[in-house]
C-alpha atoms as a PDB file:
ATOM      1  CA  UNK A   1     -65.839  -1.276  72.476  1.00  0.00           C
ATOM      2  CA  UNK A   2     -68.215  -3.040  69.781  1.00  0.00           C
ATOM      3  CA  UNK A   3     -70.620  -5.522  70.271  1.00  0.00           C
ATOM      4  CA  UNK A   4     -68.165  -7.492  67.829  1.00  0.00           C
ATOM      5  CA  UNK A   5     -65.297  -7.224  70.553  1.00  0.00           C
ATOM      6  CA  UNK A   6     -67.615  -7.844  73.488  1.00  0.00           C
ATOM      7  CA  UNK A   7     -68.978 -11.225  71.878  1.00  0.00           C
ATOM      8  CA  UNK A   8     -64.888 -12.370  70.608  1.00  0.00           C
ATOM      9  CA  UNK A   9     -64.317 -11.453  74.683  1.00  0.00           C
ATOM     10  CA  UNK A  10     -67.091 -13.370  75.993  1.00  0.00           C
ATOM     11  CA  UNK A  11     -65.640 -16.167  73.671  1.00  0.00           C
ATOM     12  CA  UNK A  12     -62.112 -15.895  73.897  1.00  0.00           C
ATOM     13  CA  UNK A  13     -62.723 -16.119  78.428  1.00  0.00           C
ATOM     14  CA  UNK A  14     -63.806 -19.611  78.221  1.00  0.00           C
ATOM     15  CA  UNK A  15     -62.077 -22.702  79.282  1.00  0.00           C
ATOM     16  CA  UNK A  16     -60.436 -24.342  76.353  1.00  0.00           C
ATOM     17  CA  UNK A  17     -60.229 -28.115  76.937  1.00  0.00           C
ATOM     18  CA  UNK A  18     -55.877 -29.307  75.450  1.00  0.00           C
ATOM     19  CA  UNK A  19     -58.404 -31.480  72.585  1.00  0.00           C
ATOM     20  CA  UNK A  20     -58.323 -31.016  69.220  1.00  0.00           C
ATOM     21  CA  UNK A  21     -62.415 -31.401  68.941  1.00  0.00           C
ATOM     22  CA  UNK A  22     -62.108 -28.493  71.723  1.00  0.00           C
ATOM     23  CA  UNK A  23     -59.889 -26.341  69.951  1.00  0.00           C
ATOM     24  CA  UNK A  24     -61.663 -26.638  66.570  1.00  0.00           C
ATOM     25  CA  UNK A  25     -65.041 -25.809  68.401  1.00  0.00           C
ATOM     26  CA  UNK A  26     -63.218 -22.938  70.314  1.00  0.00           C
ATOM     27  CA  UNK A  27     -62.067 -21.536  66.972  1.00  0.00           C
ATOM     28  CA  UNK A  28     -65.415 -22.017  65.503  1.00  0.00           C
ATOM     29  CA  UNK A  29     -66.985 -19.951  68.181  1.00  0.00           C
ATOM     30  CA  UNK A  30     -64.575 -17.013  67.935  1.00  0.00           C
ATOM     31  CA  UNK A  31     -65.237 -16.912  64.244  1.00  0.00           C
ATOM     32  CA  UNK A  32     -69.117 -16.833  64.640  1.00  0.00           C
ATOM     33  CA  UNK A  33     -68.077 -14.130  67.065  1.00  0.00           C
ATOM     34  CA  UNK A  34     -66.318 -12.117  64.374  1.00  0.00           C
ATOM     35  CA  UNK A  35     -62.836 -12.727  64.631  1.00  0.00           C
ATOM     36  CA  UNK A  36     -60.551 -13.186  61.872  1.00  0.00           C
ATOM     37  CA  UNK A  37     -58.005 -15.803  60.976  1.00  0.00           C
ATOM     38  CA  UNK A  38     -55.083 -13.569  62.644  1.00  0.00           C
ATOM     39  CA  UNK A  39     -57.220 -12.336  65.542  1.00  0.00           C
ATOM     40  CA  UNK A  40     -57.991 -16.338  66.301  1.00  0.00           C
ATOM     41  CA  UNK A  41     -54.337 -17.317  65.801  1.00  0.00           C
ATOM     42  CA  UNK A  42     -53.601 -14.651  68.327  1.00  0.00           C
ATOM     43  CA  UNK A  43     -56.050 -15.331  70.828  1.00  0.00           C
ATOM     44  CA  UNK A  44     -55.234 -18.924  70.561  1.00  0.00           C
ATOM     45  CA  UNK A  45     -51.626 -18.637  71.120  1.00  0.00           C
ATOM     46  CA  UNK A  46     -52.447 -16.588  74.221  1.00  0.00           C
ATOM     47  CA  UNK A  47     -55.109 -18.924  75.411  1.00  0.00           C
ATOM     48  CA  UNK A  48     -53.172 -22.339  75.045  1.00  0.00           C
ATOM     49  CA  UNK A  49     -49.663 -20.781  75.952  1.00  0.00           C
ATOM     50  CA  UNK A  50     -48.253 -21.911  72.824  1.00  0.00           C
ATOM     51  CA  UNK A  51     -46.219 -20.355  70.121  1.00  0.00           C
ATOM     52  CA  UNK A  52     -48.063 -18.291  67.028  1.00  0.00           C
ATOM     53  CA  UNK A  53     -46.821 -20.580  64.913  1.00  0.00           C
ATOM     54  CA  UNK A  54     -48.172 -23.744  66.293  1.00  0.00           C
ATOM     55  CA  UNK A  55     -51.453 -21.672  67.043  1.00  0.00           C
ATOM     56  CA  UNK A  56     -51.519 -20.166  63.149  1.00  0.00           C
ATOM     57  CA  UNK A  57     -51.364 -23.992  62.318  1.00  0.00           C
ATOM     58  CA  UNK A  58     -54.033 -25.081  64.277  1.00  0.00           C
ATOM     59  CA  UNK A  59     -56.339 -21.798  63.005  1.00  0.00           C
ATOM     60  CA  UNK A  60     -55.783 -22.680  58.995  1.00  0.00           C
ATOM     61  CA  UNK A  61     -56.079 -26.667  59.610  1.00  0.00           C
ATOM     62  CA  UNK A  62     -59.683 -26.206  61.559  1.00  0.00           C
ATOM     63  CA  UNK A  63     -62.417 -26.413  60.000  1.00  0.00           C
ATOM     64  CA  UNK A  64     -63.791 -22.975  60.588  1.00  0.00           C
ATOM     65  CA  UNK A  65     -61.029 -21.705  58.115  1.00  0.00           C
ATOM     66  CA  UNK A  66     -59.698 -24.147  56.695  1.00  0.00           C
ATOM     67  CA  UNK A  67     -61.369 -23.514  52.944  1.00  0.00           C
ATOM     68  CA  UNK A  68     -60.058 -20.306  52.842  1.00  0.00           C
ATOM     69  CA  UNK A  69     -56.501 -21.586  53.394  1.00  0.00           C
ATOM     70  CA  UNK A  70     -56.268 -24.844  51.861  1.00  0.00           C
ATOM     71  CA  UNK A  71     -56.492 -23.606  48.169  1.00  0.00           C
ATOM     72  CA  UNK A  72     -53.493 -23.120  45.748  1.00  0.00           C
ATOM     73  CA  UNK A  73     -52.749 -19.258  46.684  1.00  0.00           C
ATOM     74  CA  UNK A  74     -54.038 -18.770  50.459  1.00  0.00           C
ATOM     75  CA  UNK A  75     -54.011 -15.005  49.951  1.00  0.00           C
ATOM     76  CA  UNK A  76     -57.104 -14.646  48.312  1.00  0.00           C
ATOM     77  CA  UNK A  77     -58.999 -11.441  48.364  1.00  0.00           C
ATOM     78  CA  UNK A  78     -61.388 -12.750  50.723  1.00  0.00           C
ATOM     79  CA  UNK A  79     -58.947 -13.526  53.460  1.00  0.00           C
ATOM     80  CA  UNK A  80     -57.009 -10.296  52.916  1.00  0.00           C
ATOM     81  CA  UNK A  81     -60.765  -8.114  53.378  1.00  0.00           C
ATOM     82  CA  UNK A  82     -60.861 -10.623  56.926  1.00  0.00           C
ATOM     83  CA  UNK A  83     -57.090 -10.026  58.095  1.00  0.00           C
ATOM     84  CA  UNK A  84     -57.183  -6.081  57.444  1.00  0.00           C
ATOM     85  CA  UNK A  85     -60.096  -5.542  60.359  1.00  0.00           C
ATOM     86  CA  UNK A  86     -57.446  -4.994  63.297  1.00  0.00           C
ATOM     87  CA  UNK A  87     -53.966  -4.578  61.247  1.00  0.00           C
ATOM     88  CA  UNK A  88     -51.585  -2.055  62.477  1.00  0.00           C
ATOM     89  CA  UNK A  89     -50.714  -1.315  58.544  1.00  0.00           C
ATOM     90  CA  UNK A  90     -52.904  -2.298  55.163  1.00  0.00           C
ATOM     91  CA  UNK A  91     -51.204  -1.566  51.918  1.00  0.00           C
ATOM     92  CA  UNK A  92     -53.691  -0.991  49.147  1.00  0.00           C
ATOM     93  CA  UNK A  93     -52.474  -0.477  44.969  1.00  0.00           C
ATOM     94  CA  UNK A  94     -54.842  -0.421  42.550  1.00  0.00           C
ATOM     95  CA  UNK A  95     -58.138  -1.198  44.946  1.00  0.00           C
ATOM     96  CA  UNK A  96     -56.505  -4.164  46.150  1.00  0.00           C
ATOM     97  CA  UNK A  97     -54.915  -4.924  49.188  1.00  0.00           C
ATOM     98  CA  UNK A  98     -51.417  -6.252  48.667  1.00  0.00           C
ATOM     99  CA  UNK A  99     -50.050  -5.772  52.024  1.00  0.00           C
ATOM    100  CA  UNK A 100     -50.438  -6.398  55.796  1.00  0.00           C
ATOM    101  CA  UNK A 101     -48.757  -5.779  59.203  1.00  0.00           C
ATOM    102  CA  UNK A 102     -49.729  -7.036  62.410  1.00  0.00           C
ATOM    103  CA  UNK A 103     -47.269  -5.906  65.404  1.00  0.00           C
ATOM    104  CA  UNK A 104     -46.912  -9.097  66.999  1.00  0.00           C
ATOM    105  CA  UNK A 105     -45.709  -9.349  70.881  1.00  0.00           C
ATOM    106  CA  UNK A 106     -41.592 -10.726  71.062  1.00  0.00           C
ATOM    107  CA  UNK A 107     -43.235 -13.633  72.581  1.00  0.00           C
ATOM    108  CA  UNK A 108     -45.636 -14.914  69.744  1.00  0.00           C
ATOM    109  CA  UNK A 109     -42.871 -14.567  66.865  1.00  0.00           C
ATOM    110  CA  UNK A 110     -43.421 -17.796  64.450  1.00  0.00           C
ATOM    111  CA  UNK A 111     -39.971 -19.379  64.655  1.00  0.00           C
END
């Protein structure tokens, strides 16, 4: 296990209150540990036992990640570079990422 993975795992084990300030702090701690937005929403969904859609909204609206999502096109190359880290499949065309696939568990489908 890499140092980054160890740190993400350590942060993900901490207690999280069901309060927006604590959730945002948790998301920020995950980011500082090296988690990308996809990892973050997956961890958040599992931790709070919420659906992936709600966890994704909480992640993208958090102060830690809103700068990536609150632009005209949220799928910037910076976002795609972060998201590719643990992706199951990455499609590259002309040197740029054009597709990323994550295989989610059945219970984490976005409604």
